Amino acid sequence: MTKLCESLPPKVVRRLQDVPREDVRSDIDAYLRAKLPGLDGPELDKAAKQADGLFIFAATVVRYLMPRRSITRREQSMLLEKLLSRNSESHATKLLLIDELYQHILCQAFSDLSGDIFRARLCILHTFLCTIERTSTSVAAALLSEPDDEVVNAVLRDLHAVLYCKDGQVLWYHASFPDFIFTEARSKFKVDGHQLDMSCNEAHQHAFLTKAWFKIMLSGNSGLHFNIGKIPSSFVFDAEDPELSTRVNTNISAVLKYASHYWASHLAQTGQVTVNSDDLCACLSKYINNFLCIHVLFWIEAMNLLGSSAWCSVLLQHAHDWVMRVRISLL
């Protein structure tokens, strides 16, 4: 057996960064020509050169130039020309190439929005990126008190080059996009005469989401309440109730399921924002007190019905750690 192993050729592991830049550029050129057959060779050559070996740049350009099937070749050419004509050499330090592309995409989606609409849509984007588990547009809409999914879906459509929906979950194509949004120095920028601040303070956003989850859980009949599974008798085991799963899915909405599973995880990620904001501390403390005094048993019941009762002690420990951290900071 040893001799056989010794006779085998060594396993070759190739990393993308080890591939010669010339080979990558050739592959990107072929990719752009296959995906954008309507554009002229010089235009695609310029796009491939601008990509500078970054496949994520080339793929994002393709998605950006294909917002809808009805887009014409002339419209694609105009979009590509505008994208590639941008000049960042005036910056003290040249921006990462992908940053320029993200800035252009966000400018297209947000620059013409008024203040309130801009802030509301930006909050939707930040919510997509900050949920512990990827969610649907309907859960995001319910969380943000939107009457329907229309605005949330509009944000998803406008950002089709960087976000997409699969199996009911809003996802991003590449980890560089949330990194870009979470880094203020990169996501606060001026482009095409527009000054935009797209940055997300994660601690503030998690604090906002924590308050929203508490409101959902404490909201009367649509939130946590006694016998949320409408179990007809306490003498019947869950396994012996054939309709239980149907009633659970009916009575515990998707947004309430998420809130029940992740409220404490969001609370734990509020970070230093709680230390610097007495009002926020007081608000979250009020919610926690209400939750623990009145609704905690309803929550444990819901978590048991969702098959997640083992999480309860861990999540309550997160809440305890948050309370202790805030108490120490206020001494």
Protein backbone atom coordinates (compact mmCIF):
# COMPACT_ATOMS: atom_id res chain seq x y z
CA MET A 1 0.00 0.00 0.00
CA THR A 2 2.84 2.37 0.87
CA LYS A 3 4.61 1.69 -2.43
CA LEU A 4 1.37 2.31 -4.31
CA CYS A 5 0.91 5.68 -2.59
CA GLU A 6 4.52 6.62 -3.28
CA SER A 7 4.03 5.88 -6.97
CA LEU A 8 1.07 8.25 -7.30
CA PRO A 9 1.76 11.79 -8.56
CA PRO A 10 1.54 14.48 -5.86
CA LYS A 11 -1.80 16.23 -5.54
CA VAL A 12 -1.71 19.62 -7.17
CA VAL A 13 -3.63 22.36 -5.37
CA ARG A 14 -4.14 25.53 -7.41
CA ARG A 15 -5.22 28.77 -5.81
CA LEU A 16 -6.75 31.57 -7.85
CA GLN A 17 -4.04 34.00 -6.75
CA ASP A 18 -1.43 31.59 -8.10
CA VAL A 19 -2.91 31.54 -11.62
CA PRO A 20 -0.86 33.74 -13.97
CA ARG A 21 -2.54 37.13 -14.51
CA GLU A 22 -2.38 36.66 -18.29
CA ASP A 23 -4.42 33.44 -18.08
CA VAL A 24 -7.04 35.11 -15.88
CA ARG A 25 -7.35 38.04 -18.25
CA SER A 26 -7.82 35.66 -21.16
CA ASP A 27 -10.58 33.82 -19.32
CA ILE A 28 -12.30 37.09 -18.36
CA ASP A 29 -12.17 38.25 -21.97
CA ALA A 30 -13.79 34.99 -23.12
CA TYR A 31 -16.40 35.25 -20.35
CA LEU A 32 -17.39 38.81 -21.29
CA ARG A 33 -17.67 37.94 -24.98
CA ALA A 34 -19.89 34.95 -24.19
CA LYS A 35 -22.17 36.86 -21.81
CA LEU A 36 -22.37 40.14 -23.75
CA PRO A 37 -22.38 39.08 -27.42
CA GLY A 38 -24.10 42.29 -28.54
CA LEU A 39 -21.25 44.59 -27.59
CA ASP A 40 -18.32 45.52 -29.81
CA GLY A 41 -14.89 44.01 -29.40
CA PRO A 42 -13.19 47.30 -28.35
CA GLU A 43 -15.79 47.83 -25.64
CA LEU A 44 -15.28 44.35 -24.25
CA ASP A 45 -11.52 44.71 -24.49
CA LYS A 46 -11.74 47.86 -22.37
CA ALA A 47 -13.98 46.10 -19.83
CA ALA A 48 -11.60 43.14 -19.61
CA LYS A 49 -8.66 45.49 -19.12
CA GLN A 50 -10.55 47.38 -16.43
CA ALA A 51 -11.31 44.09 -14.62
CA ASP A 52 -7.54 43.66 -14.17
CA GLY A 53 -7.85 39.96 -13.33
CA LEU A 54 -10.85 40.27 -10.97
CA PHE A 55 -13.54 37.79 -11.95
CA ILE A 56 -15.94 39.30 -9.42
CA PHE A 57 -15.62 42.64 -11.25
CA ALA A 58 -16.38 41.04 -14.62
CA ALA A 59 -19.35 39.06 -13.26
CA THR A 60 -20.80 42.15 -11.55
CA VAL A 61 -20.43 44.17 -14.76
CA VAL A 62 -22.37 41.49 -16.64
CA ARG A 63 -25.20 41.55 -14.09
CA TYR A 64 -25.19 45.36 -14.12
CA LEU A 65 -25.57 45.43 -17.91
CA MET A 66 -28.44 42.94 -17.87
CA PRO A 67 -31.08 44.51 -15.58
CA ARG A 68 -33.86 43.19 -17.79
CA ARG A 69 -34.19 41.03 -20.88
CA SER A 70 -35.54 43.92 -22.95
CA ILE A 71 -32.40 46.06 -22.61
CA THR A 72 -31.04 47.05 -26.01
CA ARG A 73 -27.50 46.80 -27.28
CA ARG A 74 -27.29 50.62 -27.41
CA GLU A 75 -28.45 50.90 -23.79
CA GLN A 76 -25.86 48.33 -22.71
CA SER A 77 -23.17 50.24 -24.57
CA MET A 78 -24.19 53.51 -22.88
CA LEU A 79 -24.15 51.91 -19.41
CA LEU A 80 -20.76 50.33 -20.03
CA GLU A 81 -19.28 53.57 -21.38
CA LYS A 82 -20.49 55.50 -18.33
CA LEU A 83 -19.13 52.85 -15.99
CA LEU A 84 -15.69 52.63 -17.58
CA SER A 85 -15.29 56.38 -18.08
CA ARG A 86 -15.19 57.08 -14.36
CA ASN A 87 -11.85 58.29 -13.15
CA SER A 88 -10.67 57.74 -9.59
CA GLU A 89 -7.12 58.98 -10.09
CA SER A 90 -7.97 62.21 -8.25
CA HIS A 91 -8.20 60.23 -5.00
CA ALA A 92 -5.10 60.29 -2.80
CA THR A 93 -5.12 56.53 -2.87
CA LYS A 94 -6.66 54.70 -5.79
CA LEU A 95 -9.77 52.86 -4.76
CA LEU A 96 -10.06 49.14 -5.14
CA LEU A 97 -11.50 48.40 -8.55
CA ILE A 98 -14.52 46.58 -7.12
CA ASP A 99 -15.26 49.57 -4.87
CA GLU A 100 -15.65 51.80 -7.92
CA LEU A 101 -18.13 49.37 -9.40
CA TYR A 102 -20.14 49.11 -6.16
CA GLN A 103 -20.19 52.90 -5.87
CA HIS A 104 -21.56 53.23 -9.39
CA ILE A 105 -24.26 50.59 -8.79
CA LEU A 106 -25.36 52.22 -5.52
CA CYS A 107 -25.35 55.66 -7.10
CA GLN A 108 -27.68 54.40 -9.83
CA ALA A 109 -30.03 52.90 -7.25
CA PHE A 110 -30.07 55.66 -4.60
CA SER A 111 -28.86 59.04 -5.91
CA ASP A 112 -32.26 60.29 -7.12
CA LEU A 113 -34.18 59.42 -3.93
CA SER A 114 -35.45 62.05 -1.49
CA GLY A 115 -34.34 62.05 2.15
CA ASP A 116 -37.04 59.89 3.79
CA ILE A 117 -37.25 57.45 0.89
CA PHE A 118 -33.44 57.23 0.74
CA ARG A 119 -33.19 56.43 4.45
CA ALA A 120 -36.01 53.86 4.32
CA ARG A 121 -34.48 52.01 1.37
CA LEU A 122 -30.99 52.17 2.88
CA CYS A 123 -32.38 50.61 6.06
CA ILE A 124 -33.81 47.79 3.94
CA LEU A 125 -30.38 47.17 2.39
CA HIS A 126 -28.70 47.21 5.82
CA THR A 127 -31.34 44.80 7.13
CA PHE A 128 -30.62 42.35 4.29
CA LEU A 129 -26.95 42.38 5.29
CA CYS A 130 -27.31 42.27 9.10
CA THR A 131 -29.81 39.48 9.72
CA ILE A 132 -28.19 36.52 11.45
CA GLU A 133 -29.86 34.18 8.99
CA ARG A 134 -30.73 35.16 5.43
CA THR A 135 -34.40 36.12 5.23
CA SER A 136 -37.12 36.58 2.66
CA THR A 137 -38.36 39.96 1.43
CA SER A 138 -41.64 39.36 3.29
CA VAL A 139 -39.83 38.92 6.63
CA ALA A 140 -37.83 42.09 5.99
CA ALA A 141 -41.04 43.96 5.14
CA ALA A 142 -42.78 42.77 8.31
CA LEU A 143 -39.75 43.67 10.39
CA LEU A 144 -39.64 47.20 8.96
CA SER A 145 -43.43 47.65 9.29
CA GLU A 146 -43.85 47.92 5.52
CA PRO A 147 -47.50 47.26 4.52
CA ASP A 148 -46.36 44.89 1.76
CA ASP A 149 -43.24 43.62 -0.02
CA GLU A 150 -43.35 46.25 -2.78
CA VAL A 151 -40.62 48.61 -1.52
CA VAL A 152 -38.41 45.75 -0.29
CA ASN A 153 -38.65 44.05 -3.68
CA ALA A 154 -37.88 47.38 -5.37
CA VAL A 155 -34.60 47.61 -3.45
CA LEU A 156 -33.75 44.04 -4.44
CA ARG A 157 -34.49 44.81 -8.11
CA ASP A 158 -32.45 48.02 -8.11
CA LEU A 159 -29.48 46.14 -6.63
CA HIS A 160 -29.81 43.11 -8.91
CA ALA A 161 -26.10 43.32 -9.77
CA VAL A 162 -25.06 42.59 -6.17
CA LEU A 163 -28.09 40.93 -4.53
CA TYR A 164 -30.37 38.10 -5.59
CA CYS A 165 -33.14 35.92 -4.18
CA LYS A 166 -32.90 32.13 -4.06
CA ASP A 167 -35.21 29.70 -2.26
CA GLY A 168 -36.95 32.64 -0.58
CA GLN A 169 -33.72 34.11 0.81
CA VAL A 170 -32.01 37.37 -0.12
CA LEU A 171 -28.33 36.66 -0.80
CA TRP A 172 -25.32 38.53 -2.13
CA TYR A 173 -23.08 37.35 -4.94
CA HIS A 174 -19.79 38.07 -3.20
CA ALA A 175 -18.60 38.71 0.37
CA SER A 176 -16.83 41.87 -0.81
CA PHE A 177 -20.18 43.67 -1.02
CA PRO A 178 -21.14 43.54 2.70
CA ASP A 179 -17.49 44.27 3.51
CA PHE A 180 -17.79 47.39 1.37
CA ILE A 181 -21.00 48.53 3.09
CA PHE A 182 -19.63 47.88 6.61
CA THR A 183 -16.46 49.91 5.96
CA GLU A 184 -17.31 53.61 6.21
CA ALA A 185 -14.16 54.76 4.44
CA ARG A 186 -15.22 52.75 1.38
CA SER A 187 -19.01 53.22 1.37
CA LYS A 188 -19.07 56.96 2.05
CA PHE A 189 -18.18 58.49 -1.30
CA LYS A 190 -18.81 61.06 -4.01
CA VAL A 191 -19.56 59.90 -7.53
CA ASP A 192 -21.01 61.66 -10.57
CA GLY A 193 -21.56 64.77 -8.46
CA HIS A 194 -23.55 62.90 -5.79
CA GLN A 195 -22.33 62.64 -2.19
CA LEU A 196 -23.62 59.36 -0.76
CA ASP A 197 -23.21 57.69 2.61
CA MET A 198 -24.21 54.04 2.21
CA SER A 199 -22.23 52.83 5.22
CA CYS A 200 -23.77 50.63 7.89
CA ASN A 201 -22.86 50.86 11.55
CA GLU A 202 -23.41 47.23 12.50
CA ALA A 203 -23.89 47.87 16.22
CA HIS A 204 -26.56 50.53 15.57
CA GLN A 205 -28.31 48.32 13.01
CA HIS A 206 -28.35 45.34 15.39
CA ALA A 207 -29.80 47.60 18.11
CA PHE A 208 -32.50 48.74 15.67
CA LEU A 209 -33.27 45.14 14.72
CA THR A 210 -33.36 44.04 18.38
CA LYS A 211 -36.04 46.63 19.16
CA ALA A 212 -37.98 45.52 16.08
CA TRP A 213 -37.83 41.84 17.09
CA PHE A 214 -39.07 42.67 20.61
CA LYS A 215 -41.98 44.67 19.18
CA ILE A 216 -42.92 41.68 17.04
CA MET A 217 -42.71 39.18 19.91
CA LEU A 218 -44.64 41.43 22.32
CA SER A 219 -47.35 42.48 19.87
CA GLY A 220 -50.46 40.85 21.35
CA ASN A 221 -52.19 38.10 19.41
CA SER A 222 -49.77 38.27 16.47
CA GLY A 223 -46.81 37.87 18.85
CA LEU A 224 -46.03 35.42 21.61
CA HIS A 225 -49.02 34.36 23.68
CA PHE A 226 -50.36 31.50 25.76
CA ASN A 227 -50.97 28.23 23.88
CA ILE A 228 -49.71 29.65 20.59
CA GLY A 229 -49.93 26.17 19.09
CA LYS A 230 -53.63 25.91 20.02
CA ILE A 231 -53.04 22.53 21.64
CA PRO A 232 -56.47 21.15 22.62
CA SER A 233 -55.31 19.26 25.73
CA SER A 234 -52.24 19.20 27.95
CA PHE A 235 -52.75 15.45 28.32
CA VAL A 236 -51.87 14.82 24.65
CA PHE A 237 -48.21 14.41 23.70
CA ASP A 238 -47.01 16.57 20.80
CA ALA A 239 -46.07 13.44 18.84
CA GLU A 240 -49.66 12.22 19.16
CA ASP A 241 -51.19 15.40 17.70
CA PRO A 242 -51.29 14.93 13.88
CA GLU A 243 -52.38 18.53 13.20
CA LEU A 244 -49.80 20.20 15.46
CA SER A 245 -47.23 21.05 12.77
CA THR A 246 -49.94 22.61 10.60
CA ARG A 247 -51.18 24.78 13.48
CA VAL A 248 -47.63 25.79 14.38
CA ASN A 249 -46.94 26.95 10.81
CA THR A 250 -50.26 28.81 10.78
CA ASN A 251 -49.95 30.51 14.17
CA ILE A 252 -46.21 31.24 14.28
CA SER A 253 -45.42 33.50 11.34
CA ALA A 254 -42.07 33.48 9.56
CA VAL A 255 -41.10 36.82 11.11
CA LEU A 256 -42.07 35.61 14.60
CA LYS A 257 -40.01 32.44 14.07
CA TYR A 258 -36.99 34.54 13.18
CA ALA A 259 -37.54 36.88 16.14
CA SER A 260 -37.85 33.96 18.54
CA HIS A 261 -34.62 32.38 17.28
CA TYR A 262 -32.38 35.43 16.95
CA TRP A 263 -33.48 38.33 19.20
CA ALA A 264 -30.68 37.61 21.71
CA SER A 265 -28.06 37.18 18.99
CA HIS A 266 -28.86 40.65 17.67
CA LEU A 267 -28.85 42.02 21.22
CA ALA A 268 -25.39 40.58 21.83
CA GLN A 269 -24.05 42.38 18.74
CA THR A 270 -25.16 45.86 19.77
CA GLY A 271 -21.62 46.28 21.08
CA GLN A 272 -20.46 49.65 22.33
CA VAL A 273 -23.57 51.42 21.05
CA THR A 274 -25.32 50.49 24.32
CA VAL A 275 -22.52 52.00 26.38
CA ASN A 276 -22.78 55.34 24.59
CA SER A 277 -26.56 55.67 24.57
CA ASP A 278 -28.56 55.89 27.79
CA ASP A 279 -31.82 56.15 25.83
CA LEU A 280 -31.07 52.95 23.94
CA CYS A 281 -30.12 51.15 27.13
CA ALA A 282 -33.35 52.25 28.77
CA CYS A 283 -35.41 51.22 25.73
CA LEU A 284 -33.88 47.77 25.38
CA SER A 285 -33.91 47.23 29.15
CA LYS A 286 -37.65 47.99 29.18
CA TYR A 287 -38.25 45.46 26.42
CA ILE A 288 -36.12 42.82 28.17
CA ASN A 289 -37.92 43.38 31.48
CA ASN A 290 -41.33 43.06 29.81
CA PHE A 291 -40.18 39.97 27.94
CA LEU A 292 -38.74 38.19 30.99
CA CYS A 293 -41.61 39.09 33.33
CA ILE A 294 -44.52 38.28 31.04
CA HIS A 295 -43.58 36.57 27.79
CA VAL A 296 -40.61 34.33 28.52
CA LEU A 297 -42.76 31.23 29.16
CA PHE A 298 -44.70 31.91 25.94
CA TRP A 299 -41.35 32.16 24.13
CA ILE A 300 -40.11 28.87 25.58
CA GLU A 301 -43.36 27.24 24.50
CA ALA A 302 -42.93 28.61 20.96
CA MET A 303 -39.31 27.50 20.80
CA ASN A 304 -40.33 24.01 21.92
CA LEU A 305 -42.96 23.85 19.17
CA LEU A 306 -40.32 24.99 16.67
CA GLY A 307 -38.00 22.20 17.82
CA SER A 308 -35.48 24.70 19.21
CA SER A 309 -35.94 24.44 22.97
CA ALA A 310 -32.23 23.60 23.38
CA TRP A 311 -31.42 27.16 22.28
CA CYS A 312 -33.31 28.79 25.14
CA SER A 313 -30.61 28.63 27.81
CA VAL A 314 -27.95 29.91 25.40
CA LEU A 315 -30.07 32.87 24.26
CA LEU A 316 -31.00 33.79 27.82
CA GLN A 317 -27.30 33.70 28.67
CA HIS A 318 -26.71 36.20 25.83
CA ALA A 319 -29.34 38.46 27.39
CA HIS A 320 -27.78 38.09 30.83
CA ASP A 321 -24.33 38.96 29.47
CA TRP A 322 -25.76 42.07 27.77
CA VAL A 323 -27.43 43.25 30.98
CA MET A 324 -24.23 42.73 32.97
CA ARG A 325 -22.13 44.55 30.38
CA VAL A 326 -24.44 47.54 30.36
CA ARG A 327 -24.67 47.58 34.16
CA ILE A 328 -20.88 47.63 34.48
CA SER A 329 -20.54 50.39 31.89
CA LEU A 330 -22.99 52.58 33.79
CA LEU A 331 -21.22 52.26 37.15
